[in-house]
Amino acid sequence: MAKLWRCEICGDPYVGDEAPANCPFCGAKKKFIKIAKDAKVTFDVDLNEKDKANAEYALKVEVSNSAFYFCAAKKTDDDEGRLLFKALGKVEAEHAAIWRKILKLDNVPQGNDVCHVSNQENLEDSHARETRAIEFYSKAASEAKNERIKQIFNALVEVETDHLKLSEERLK
């Protein structure tokens, strides 16, 4: 029987018989997906200067990464690569939307769509981008004073680690 689920990281709803292994929108792990009426979701948080600066930087990272992935989805010379980069672009755009809500911005800025034709080069770029994101998000989570900000950064470390594994598998 179909149920209404909600991701506690991005706040998006999902209809299905069971909670998915990962949020179909932001990629958060199953532990963050709850029956909608039981989900605890807020984007109205008090940000100290450091948390705000880290959220603003995270928004820039996600905007840049989503633009890169959407570009790679169009230009890469590999059929599976186009699918992978399209999926990653959607997830990274959702991450940008999370930070937009936290920062109370009306819209998400646009990123530069610089990528490669070579799937190999796009995978290498993806690997570097995900590695940088994981390092930054881990540091930002450890510095976070606000528990909601800490939760989001930690959840996104897990998601970006999954993305890193996808590029590592294909770079072998």
C-alpha atoms as a PDB file:
ATOM      1  CA  MET A   1       0.000   0.000   0.000  1.00  0.00           C
ATOM      2  CA  ALA A   2       1.404   3.368  -1.015  1.00  0.00           C
ATOM      3  CA  LYS A   3       2.463   5.764   1.728  1.00  0.00           C
ATOM      4  CA  LEU A   4       3.613   9.358   1.795  1.00  0.00           C
ATOM      5  CA  TRP A   5       7.249   9.680   2.839  1.00  0.00           C
ATOM      6  CA  ARG A   6       9.352  12.797   3.423  1.00  0.00           C
ATOM      7  CA  CYS A   7      13.075  13.342   3.426  1.00  0.00           C
ATOM      8  CA  GLU A   8      14.266  15.170   6.531  1.00  0.00           C
ATOM      9  CA  ILE A   9      17.239  16.629   4.636  1.00  0.00           C
ATOM     10  CA  CYS A  10      15.654  18.219   1.542  1.00  0.00           C
ATOM     11  CA  GLY A  11      12.045  18.154   2.754  1.00  0.00           C
ATOM     12  CA  ASP A  12      10.707  16.658  -0.471  1.00  0.00           C
ATOM     13  CA  PRO A  13       7.843  14.143  -0.392  1.00  0.00           C
ATOM     14  CA  TYR A  14       7.901  10.701  -1.980  1.00  0.00           C
ATOM     15  CA  VAL A  15       5.019   8.293  -2.602  1.00  0.00           C
ATOM     16  CA  GLY A  16       5.813   4.587  -2.386  1.00  0.00           C
ATOM     17  CA  ASP A  17       5.103   1.332  -0.618  1.00  0.00           C
ATOM     18  CA  GLU A  18       8.395   1.599   1.285  1.00  0.00           C
ATOM     19  CA  ALA A  19      10.957   4.253   2.015  1.00  0.00           C
ATOM     20  CA  PRO A  20      13.593   4.208  -0.739  1.00  0.00           C
ATOM     21  CA  ALA A  21      17.214   3.341   0.103  1.00  0.00           C
ATOM     22  CA  ASN A  22      18.129   6.929  -0.771  1.00  0.00           C
ATOM     23  CA  CYS A  23      16.027  10.041  -1.227  1.00  0.00           C
ATOM     24  CA  PRO A  24      15.222  10.207  -4.953  1.00  0.00           C
ATOM     25  CA  PHE A  25      15.782  13.976  -4.843  1.00  0.00           C
ATOM     26  CA  CYS A  26      18.819  14.753  -2.668  1.00  0.00           C
ATOM     27  CA  GLY A  27      20.282  11.266  -2.242  1.00  0.00           C
ATOM     28  CA  ALA A  28      20.098  11.248   1.576  1.00  0.00           C
ATOM     29  CA  LYS A  29      20.239   7.810   3.169  1.00  0.00           C
ATOM     30  CA  LYS A  30      17.103   5.901   4.175  1.00  0.00           C
ATOM     31  CA  LYS A  31      17.554   6.847   7.855  1.00  0.00           C
ATOM     32  CA  PHE A  32      16.449  10.393   6.901  1.00  0.00           C
ATOM     33  CA  ILE A  33      13.260   9.277   5.117  1.00  0.00           C
ATOM     34  CA  LYS A  34      10.243   9.111   7.398  1.00  0.00           C
ATOM     35  CA  ILE A  35       6.489   8.797   7.104  1.00  0.00           C
ATOM     36  CA  ALA A  36       5.581  12.380   6.114  1.00  0.00           C
ATOM     37  CA  LYS A  37       3.566  13.216   9.237  1.00  0.00           C
ATOM     38  CA  ASP A  38       6.475  12.061  11.454  1.00  0.00           C
ATOM     39  CA  ALA A  39       9.287  13.806   9.545  1.00  0.00           C
ATOM     40  CA  LYS A  40      11.031  16.659  11.314  1.00  0.00           C
ATOM     41  CA  VAL A  41      11.963  19.201   8.645  1.00  0.00           C
ATOM     42  CA  THR A  42      12.884  22.836   9.074  1.00  0.00           C
ATOM     43  CA  PHE A  43      14.869  25.308   7.040  1.00  0.00           C
ATOM     44  CA  ASP A  44      14.189  28.183   9.428  1.00  0.00           C
ATOM     45  CA  VAL A  45      17.373  28.046  11.476  1.00  0.00           C
ATOM     46  CA  ASP A  46      19.426  30.583  13.378  1.00  0.00           C
ATOM     47  CA  LEU A  47      22.813  30.864  11.726  1.00  0.00           C
ATOM     48  CA  ASN A  48      25.882  32.182  13.471  1.00  0.00           C
ATOM     49  CA  GLU A  49      28.512  33.835  11.260  1.00  0.00           C
ATOM     50  CA  LYS A  50      30.511  30.637  10.685  1.00  0.00           C
ATOM     51  CA  ASP A  51      27.462  28.476   9.873  1.00  0.00           C
ATOM     52  CA  LYS A  52      26.173  31.172   7.502  1.00  0.00           C
ATOM     53  CA  ALA A  53      29.542  31.472   5.756  1.00  0.00           C
ATOM     54  CA  ASN A  54      29.744  27.675   5.397  1.00  0.00           C
ATOM     55  CA  ALA A  55      26.175  27.501   4.044  1.00  0.00           C
ATOM     56  CA  GLU A  56      26.958  30.255   1.519  1.00  0.00           C
ATOM     57  CA  TYR A  57      30.090  28.414   0.400  1.00  0.00           C
ATOM     58  CA  ALA A  58      28.150  25.131   0.192  1.00  0.00           C
ATOM     59  CA  LEU A  59      25.611  26.841  -2.077  1.00  0.00           C
ATOM     60  CA  LYS A  60      28.440  27.932  -4.413  1.00  0.00           C
ATOM     61  CA  VAL A  61      29.876  24.401  -4.429  1.00  0.00           C
ATOM     62  CA  GLU A  62      26.523  22.844  -5.294  1.00  0.00           C
ATOM     63  CA  VAL A  63      25.679  25.407  -7.979  1.00  0.00           C
ATOM     64  CA  SER A  64      29.074  24.854  -9.590  1.00  0.00           C
ATOM     65  CA  ASN A  65      28.815  21.076  -9.365  1.00  0.00           C
ATOM     66  CA  SER A  66      25.275  20.915 -10.758  1.00  0.00           C
ATOM     67  CA  ALA A  67      26.238  23.161 -13.703  1.00  0.00           C
ATOM     68  CA  PHE A  68      29.277  20.958 -14.373  1.00  0.00           C
ATOM     69  CA  TYR A  69      27.221  17.750 -14.267  1.00  0.00           C
ATOM     70  CA  PHE A  70      24.457  19.093 -16.523  1.00  0.00           C
ATOM     71  CA  CYS A  71      27.122  20.231 -18.993  1.00  0.00           C
ATOM     72  CA  ALA A  72      28.834  16.831 -18.864  1.00  0.00           C
ATOM     73  CA  ALA A  73      25.470  15.102 -19.381  1.00  0.00           C
ATOM     74  CA  LYS A  74      25.121  16.942 -22.694  1.00  0.00           C
ATOM     75  CA  LYS A  75      28.712  16.814 -23.960  1.00  0.00           C
ATOM     76  CA  THR A  76      30.343  13.610 -22.720  1.00  0.00           C
ATOM     77  CA  ASP A  77      31.227  10.965 -25.307  1.00  0.00           C
ATOM     78  CA  ASP A  78      29.768   8.041 -23.330  1.00  0.00           C
ATOM     79  CA  ASP A  79      26.112   6.942 -23.133  1.00  0.00           C
ATOM     80  CA  GLU A  80      26.277   5.746 -19.518  1.00  0.00           C
ATOM     81  CA  GLY A  81      28.270   8.844 -18.611  1.00  0.00           C
ATOM     82  CA  ARG A  82      25.456  11.062 -19.906  1.00  0.00           C
ATOM     83  CA  LEU A  83      22.986   9.235 -17.656  1.00  0.00           C
ATOM     84  CA  LEU A  84      25.277   9.343 -14.634  1.00  0.00           C
ATOM     85  CA  PHE A  85      26.035  13.044 -15.013  1.00  0.00           C
ATOM     86  CA  LYS A  86      22.357  13.906 -15.526  1.00  0.00           C
ATOM     87  CA  ALA A  87      21.451  12.064 -12.308  1.00  0.00           C
ATOM     88  CA  LEU A  88      24.286  13.734 -10.393  1.00  0.00           C
ATOM     89  CA  GLY A  89      23.292  17.140 -11.772  1.00  0.00           C
ATOM     90  CA  LYS A  90      19.767  16.723 -10.424  1.00  0.00           C
ATOM     91  CA  VAL A  91      21.016  15.702  -6.978  1.00  0.00           C
ATOM     92  CA  GLU A  92      23.521  18.565  -6.789  1.00  0.00           C
ATOM     93  CA  ALA A  93      20.800  21.028  -7.869  1.00  0.00           C
ATOM     94  CA  GLU A  94      18.645  19.719  -5.009  1.00  0.00           C
ATOM     95  CA  HIS A  95      21.553  20.284  -2.613  1.00  0.00           C
ATOM     96  CA  ALA A  96      21.765  23.881  -3.859  1.00  0.00           C
ATOM     97  CA  ALA A  97      18.024  24.228  -3.184  1.00  0.00           C
ATOM     98  CA  ILE A  98      18.557  23.057   0.413  1.00  0.00           C
ATOM     99  CA  TRP A  99      21.120  25.811   1.003  1.00  0.00           C
ATOM    100  CA  ARG A 100      18.892  28.357  -0.780  1.00  0.00           C
ATOM    101  CA  LYS A 101      16.113  27.534   1.723  1.00  0.00           C
ATOM    102  CA  ILE A 102      18.488  27.704   4.701  1.00  0.00           C
ATOM    103  CA  LEU A 103      19.844  31.074   3.516  1.00  0.00           C
ATOM    104  CA  LYS A 104      16.323  32.332   2.718  1.00  0.00           C
ATOM    105  CA  LEU A 105      17.176  33.233  -0.882  1.00  0.00           C
ATOM    106  CA  ASP A 106      14.488  33.590  -3.529  1.00  0.00           C
ATOM    107  CA  ASN A 107      16.438  31.684  -6.164  1.00  0.00           C
ATOM    108  CA  VAL A 108      19.654  29.799  -6.780  1.00  0.00           C
ATOM    109  CA  PRO A 109      22.418  31.579  -8.694  1.00  0.00           C
ATOM    110  CA  GLN A 110      23.523  30.112 -12.006  1.00  0.00           C
ATOM    111  CA  GLY A 111      26.819  28.287 -12.381  1.00  0.00           C
ATOM    112  CA  ASN A 112      29.261  28.068 -15.261  1.00  0.00           C
ATOM    113  CA  ASP A 113      28.772  25.033 -17.437  1.00  0.00           C
ATOM    114  CA  VAL A 114      32.394  24.151 -18.089  1.00  0.00           C
ATOM    115  CA  CYS A 115      33.034  20.470 -18.765  1.00  0.00           C
ATOM    116  CA  HIS A 116      34.740  18.123 -21.210  1.00  0.00           C
ATOM    117  CA  VAL A 117      33.769  15.957 -24.157  1.00  0.00           C
ATOM    118  CA  SER A 118      35.942  13.137 -22.837  1.00  0.00           C
ATOM    119  CA  ASN A 119      34.066  10.972 -20.346  1.00  0.00           C
ATOM    120  CA  GLN A 120      37.388  10.112 -18.693  1.00  0.00           C
ATOM    121  CA  GLU A 121      38.162  13.803 -18.099  1.00  0.00           C
ATOM    122  CA  ASN A 122      34.637  14.420 -16.760  1.00  0.00           C
ATOM    123  CA  LEU A 123      35.014  11.480 -14.363  1.00  0.00           C
ATOM    124  CA  GLU A 124      38.369  12.833 -13.176  1.00  0.00           C
ATOM    125  CA  ASP A 125      36.839  16.286 -12.683  1.00  0.00           C
ATOM    126  CA  SER A 126      33.865  14.713 -10.873  1.00  0.00           C
ATOM    127  CA  HIS A 127      36.223  12.824  -8.585  1.00  0.00           C
ATOM    128  CA  ALA A 128      38.108  16.005  -7.689  1.00  0.00           C
ATOM    129  CA  ARG A 129      34.879  17.960  -7.111  1.00  0.00           C
ATOM    130  CA  GLU A 130      33.374  15.287  -4.863  1.00  0.00           C
ATOM    131  CA  THR A 131      36.611  14.943  -2.891  1.00  0.00           C
ATOM    132  CA  ARG A 132      36.688  18.707  -2.256  1.00  0.00           C
ATOM    133  CA  ALA A 133      33.005  18.720  -1.274  1.00  0.00           C
ATOM    134  CA  ILE A 134      33.488  15.858   1.201  1.00  0.00           C
ATOM    135  CA  GLU A 135      36.479  17.577   2.793  1.00  0.00           C
ATOM    136  CA  PHE A 136      34.648  20.887   3.106  1.00  0.00           C
ATOM    137  CA  TYR A 137      31.368  19.359   4.350  1.00  0.00           C
ATOM    138  CA  SER A 138      33.185  17.251   6.941  1.00  0.00           C
ATOM    139  CA  LYS A 139      34.967  20.348   8.257  1.00  0.00           C
ATOM    140  CA  ALA A 140      31.756  22.426   8.168  1.00  0.00           C
ATOM    141  CA  ALA A 141      29.869  19.704  10.070  1.00  0.00           C
ATOM    142  CA  SER A 142      32.526  19.636  12.785  1.00  0.00           C
ATOM    143  CA  GLU A 143      32.396  23.452  13.072  1.00  0.00           C
ATOM    144  CA  ALA A 144      28.594  23.731  13.023  1.00  0.00           C
ATOM    145  CA  LYS A 145      26.941  25.125  16.137  1.00  0.00           C
ATOM    146  CA  ASN A 146      23.406  24.635  14.834  1.00  0.00           C
ATOM    147  CA  GLU A 147      22.308  20.972  15.024  1.00  0.00           C
ATOM    148  CA  ARG A 148      20.211  21.217  11.838  1.00  0.00           C
ATOM    149  CA  ILE A 149      23.187  22.595   9.893  1.00  0.00           C
ATOM    150  CA  LYS A 150      25.378  19.831  11.318  1.00  0.00           C
ATOM    151  CA  GLN A 151      22.753  17.237  10.281  1.00  0.00           C
ATOM    152  CA  ILE A 152      22.614  18.546   6.711  1.00  0.00           C
ATOM    153  CA  PHE A 153      26.386  18.707   6.306  1.00  0.00           C
ATOM    154  CA  ASN A 154      26.809  15.174   7.697  1.00  0.00           C
ATOM    155  CA  ALA A 155      24.045  13.814   5.443  1.00  0.00           C
ATOM    156  CA  LEU A 156      25.639  15.453   2.410  1.00  0.00           C
ATOM    157  CA  VAL A 157      29.034  13.955   3.286  1.00  0.00           C
ATOM    158  CA  GLU A 158      27.362  10.538   2.929  1.00  0.00           C
ATOM    159  CA  VAL A 159      25.736  11.474  -0.383  1.00  0.00           C
ATOM    160  CA  GLU A 160      28.921  12.948  -1.852  1.00  0.00           C
ATOM    161  CA  THR A 161      30.836   9.854  -0.709  1.00  0.00           C
ATOM    162  CA  ASP A 162      28.397   7.760  -2.750  1.00  0.00           C
ATOM    163  CA  HIS A 163      29.079  10.046  -5.733  1.00  0.00           C
ATOM    164  CA  LEU A 164      32.819   9.662  -5.214  1.00  0.00           C
ATOM    165  CA  LYS A 165      32.473   5.869  -5.300  1.00  0.00           C
ATOM    166  CA  LEU A 166      30.593   6.118  -8.612  1.00  0.00           C
ATOM    167  CA  SER A 167      33.485   7.989 -10.235  1.00  0.00           C
ATOM    168  CA  GLU A 168      36.096   5.706  -8.611  1.00  0.00           C
ATOM    169  CA  GLU A 169      34.411   2.593 -10.018  1.00  0.00           C
ATOM    170  CA  ARG A 170      34.429   4.072 -13.514  1.00  0.00           C
ATOM    171  CA  LEU A 171      38.003   5.354 -13.327  1.00  0.00           C
ATOM    172  CA  LYS A 172      39.423   1.873 -12.689  1.00  0.00           C
END
